[in-house]
C-alpha cells in the first residue's frame, strides 16, 4: 500500500475537527458547553488515535 502524508496526517486531522465540531455544536444547543481546552484536547486525542491507527494499518511490511 502506498502511504502519503494526506492519508496519514490530513484526513485524520479533518475528521477530528469535524467530529469535535459536531460535539461542540450539540453541546452548545443543549447549553452544556465545557471549557475550550476540553474540546482542544479531545480533538488532539481523536487525531492521535486516528493517525496512529492509519499509520499502522498502511505501513509497509519489511
N, C-alpha and C. Protein backbone atom coordinates (compact mmCIF):
# COMPACT_ATOMS: atom_id res chain seq x y z
N UNK A 1 0.83 -1.18 0.00
CA UNK A 1 0.00 0.00 0.00
C UNK A 1 0.88 1.25 0.00
N UNK A 2 0.43 2.24 -0.70
CA UNK A 2 1.17 3.48 -0.75
C UNK A 2 0.71 4.40 0.38
N UNK A 3 1.66 4.88 1.16
CA UNK A 3 1.36 5.79 2.26
C UNK A 3 1.84 7.18 1.88
N UNK A 4 0.95 8.15 1.89
CA UNK A 4 1.38 9.52 1.69
C UNK A 4 0.89 10.35 2.87
N UNK A 5 1.36 11.57 2.94
CA UNK A 5 1.07 12.41 4.10
C UNK A 5 -0.40 12.76 4.20
N UNK A 6 -1.11 12.83 3.07
CA UNK A 6 -2.53 13.16 3.13
C UNK A 6 -3.32 12.08 3.85
N UNK A 7 -3.00 10.84 3.58
CA UNK A 7 -3.73 9.75 4.22
C UNK A 7 -3.39 9.61 5.69
N UNK A 8 -2.16 9.89 6.05
CA UNK A 8 -1.73 9.68 7.44
C UNK A 8 -2.00 10.90 8.32
N UNK A 9 -1.85 12.12 7.79
CA UNK A 9 -1.96 13.31 8.61
C UNK A 9 -3.22 14.13 8.31
N UNK A 10 -3.46 14.42 7.05
CA UNK A 10 -4.52 15.37 6.70
C UNK A 10 -5.92 14.82 6.93
N UNK A 11 -6.20 13.63 6.49
CA UNK A 11 -7.54 13.07 6.64
C UNK A 11 -7.93 12.86 8.11
N UNK A 12 -7.05 12.30 8.95
CA UNK A 12 -7.42 12.21 10.38
C UNK A 12 -7.60 13.58 11.04
N UNK A 13 -6.82 14.58 10.61
CA UNK A 13 -6.96 15.92 11.19
C UNK A 13 -8.31 16.52 10.84
N UNK A 14 -8.71 16.39 9.58
CA UNK A 14 -10.01 16.91 9.17
C UNK A 14 -11.13 16.16 9.89
N UNK A 15 -11.01 14.86 9.99
CA UNK A 15 -12.03 14.07 10.69
C UNK A 15 -12.13 14.46 12.16
N UNK A 16 -11.00 14.67 12.81
CA UNK A 16 -11.01 15.05 14.23
C UNK A 16 -11.69 16.41 14.42
N UNK A 17 -11.42 17.36 13.53
CA UNK A 17 -12.04 18.67 13.63
C UNK A 17 -13.55 18.57 13.39
N UNK A 18 -13.95 17.78 12.40
CA UNK A 18 -15.38 17.63 12.11
C UNK A 18 -16.10 16.95 13.27
N UNK A 19 -15.56 15.86 13.78
CA UNK A 19 -16.20 15.15 14.89
C UNK A 19 -16.31 16.04 16.12
N UNK A 20 -15.24 16.77 16.44
CA UNK A 20 -15.27 17.65 17.60
C UNK A 20 -16.23 18.81 17.37
N UNK A 21 -16.29 19.31 16.15
CA UNK A 21 -17.24 20.38 15.83
C UNK A 21 -18.67 19.93 16.01
N UNK A 22 -18.98 18.71 15.62
CA UNK A 22 -20.33 18.18 15.81
C UNK A 22 -20.65 18.08 17.30
N UNK A 23 -19.69 17.61 18.10
CA UNK A 23 -19.92 17.52 19.54
C UNK A 23 -20.09 18.89 20.18
N UNK A 24 -19.27 19.87 19.74
CA UNK A 24 -19.39 21.23 20.28
C UNK A 24 -20.75 21.81 19.93
N UNK A 25 -21.19 21.63 18.70
CA UNK A 25 -22.49 22.16 18.29
C UNK A 25 -23.62 21.52 19.10
N UNK A 26 -23.54 20.21 19.29
CA UNK A 26 -24.56 19.53 20.08
C UNK A 26 -24.58 20.00 21.52
N UNK A 27 -23.42 20.17 22.12
CA UNK A 27 -23.36 20.66 23.50
C UNK A 27 -23.80 22.11 23.59
N UNK A 28 -23.49 22.90 22.59
CA UNK A 28 -23.90 24.30 22.58
C UNK A 28 -25.43 24.41 22.51
N UNK A 29 -26.04 23.56 21.69
CA UNK A 29 -27.50 23.59 21.55
C UNK A 29 -28.19 23.17 22.86
N UNK A 30 -27.58 22.27 23.60
CA UNK A 30 -28.15 21.84 24.88
C UNK A 30 -27.78 22.77 26.02
N UNK A 31 -26.78 23.64 25.79
CA UNK A 31 -26.33 24.56 26.84
C UNK A 31 -25.38 23.92 27.82
N UNK A 32 -24.65 22.89 27.39
CA UNK A 32 -23.74 22.18 28.30
C UNK A 32 -22.29 22.24 27.82
N UNK A 33 -21.88 23.39 27.30
CA UNK A 33 -20.51 23.51 26.82
C UNK A 33 -19.52 23.45 27.98
N UNK A 34 -18.42 22.74 27.77
CA UNK A 34 -17.33 22.71 28.73
C UNK A 34 -16.32 23.78 28.33
N UNK A 35 -15.15 23.75 28.93
CA UNK A 35 -14.12 24.73 28.58
C UNK A 35 -13.59 24.43 27.18
N UNK A 36 -12.98 25.43 26.58
CA UNK A 36 -12.43 25.29 25.23
C UNK A 36 -11.30 24.27 25.23
N UNK A 37 -10.52 24.23 26.29
CA UNK A 37 -9.38 23.32 26.35
C UNK A 37 -9.83 21.86 26.33
N UNK A 38 -10.99 21.58 26.88
CA UNK A 38 -11.53 20.22 26.84
C UNK A 38 -11.72 19.77 25.39
N UNK A 39 -12.27 20.63 24.57
CA UNK A 39 -12.52 20.28 23.17
C UNK A 39 -11.23 20.24 22.36
N UNK A 40 -10.28 21.09 22.69
CA UNK A 40 -8.98 21.04 22.01
C UNK A 40 -8.27 19.73 22.31
N UNK A 41 -8.27 19.33 23.58
CA UNK A 41 -7.64 18.07 23.96
C UNK A 41 -8.38 16.89 23.34
N UNK A 42 -9.71 16.98 23.27
CA UNK A 42 -10.49 15.92 22.65
C UNK A 42 -10.15 15.80 21.16
N UNK A 43 -10.03 16.92 20.47
CA UNK A 43 -9.69 16.88 19.04
C UNK A 43 -8.28 16.32 18.84
N UNK A 44 -7.34 16.68 19.70
CA UNK A 44 -5.98 16.14 19.59
C UNK A 44 -5.96 14.64 19.87
N UNK A 45 -6.76 14.20 20.82
CA UNK A 45 -6.83 12.76 21.11
C UNK A 45 -7.44 12.00 19.94
N UNK A 46 -8.53 12.52 19.37
CA UNK A 46 -9.12 11.90 18.18
C UNK A 46 -8.10 11.80 17.06
N UNK A 47 -7.37 12.92 16.83
CA UNK A 47 -6.38 12.94 15.77
C UNK A 47 -5.29 11.91 16.02
N UNK A 48 -4.77 11.86 17.23
CA UNK A 48 -3.68 10.93 17.54
C UNK A 48 -4.12 9.48 17.34
N UNK A 49 -5.30 9.15 17.82
CA UNK A 49 -5.78 7.77 17.67
C UNK A 49 -5.95 7.41 16.20
N UNK A 50 -6.56 8.31 15.44
CA UNK A 50 -6.80 8.00 14.02
C UNK A 50 -5.51 7.98 13.21
N UNK A 51 -4.58 8.92 13.48
CA UNK A 51 -3.34 8.98 12.72
C UNK A 51 -2.45 7.77 13.02
N UNK A 52 -2.33 7.41 14.29
CA UNK A 52 -1.50 6.25 14.64
C UNK A 52 -2.12 4.97 14.08
N UNK A 53 -3.42 4.84 14.19
CA UNK A 53 -4.09 3.67 13.63
C UNK A 53 -3.92 3.58 12.12
N UNK A 54 -4.08 4.72 11.44
CA UNK A 54 -3.92 4.75 9.98
C UNK A 54 -2.48 4.41 9.59
N UNK A 55 -1.51 4.91 10.36
CA UNK A 55 -0.10 4.63 10.07
C UNK A 55 0.18 3.14 10.20
N UNK A 56 -0.27 2.54 11.28
CA UNK A 56 0.00 1.11 11.48
C UNK A 56 -0.74 0.22 10.49
N UNK A 57 -1.90 0.65 10.03
CA UNK A 57 -2.65 -0.14 9.07
C UNK A 57 -2.07 -0.04 7.65
N UNK A 58 -1.44 1.08 7.32
CA UNK A 58 -0.98 1.27 5.94
C UNK A 58 0.53 1.21 5.78
N UNK A 59 1.28 0.98 6.86
CA UNK A 59 2.74 0.95 6.71
C UNK A 59 3.17 -0.27 5.92
N UNK A 60 4.34 -0.16 5.34
CA UNK A 60 4.87 -1.27 4.53
C UNK A 60 5.56 -2.26 5.44
N UNK A 61 5.30 -3.49 5.23
CA UNK A 61 5.95 -4.56 5.99
C UNK A 61 7.27 -4.89 5.31
N UNK A 62 8.32 -5.06 6.10
CA UNK A 62 9.64 -5.38 5.54
C UNK A 62 9.89 -6.86 5.55
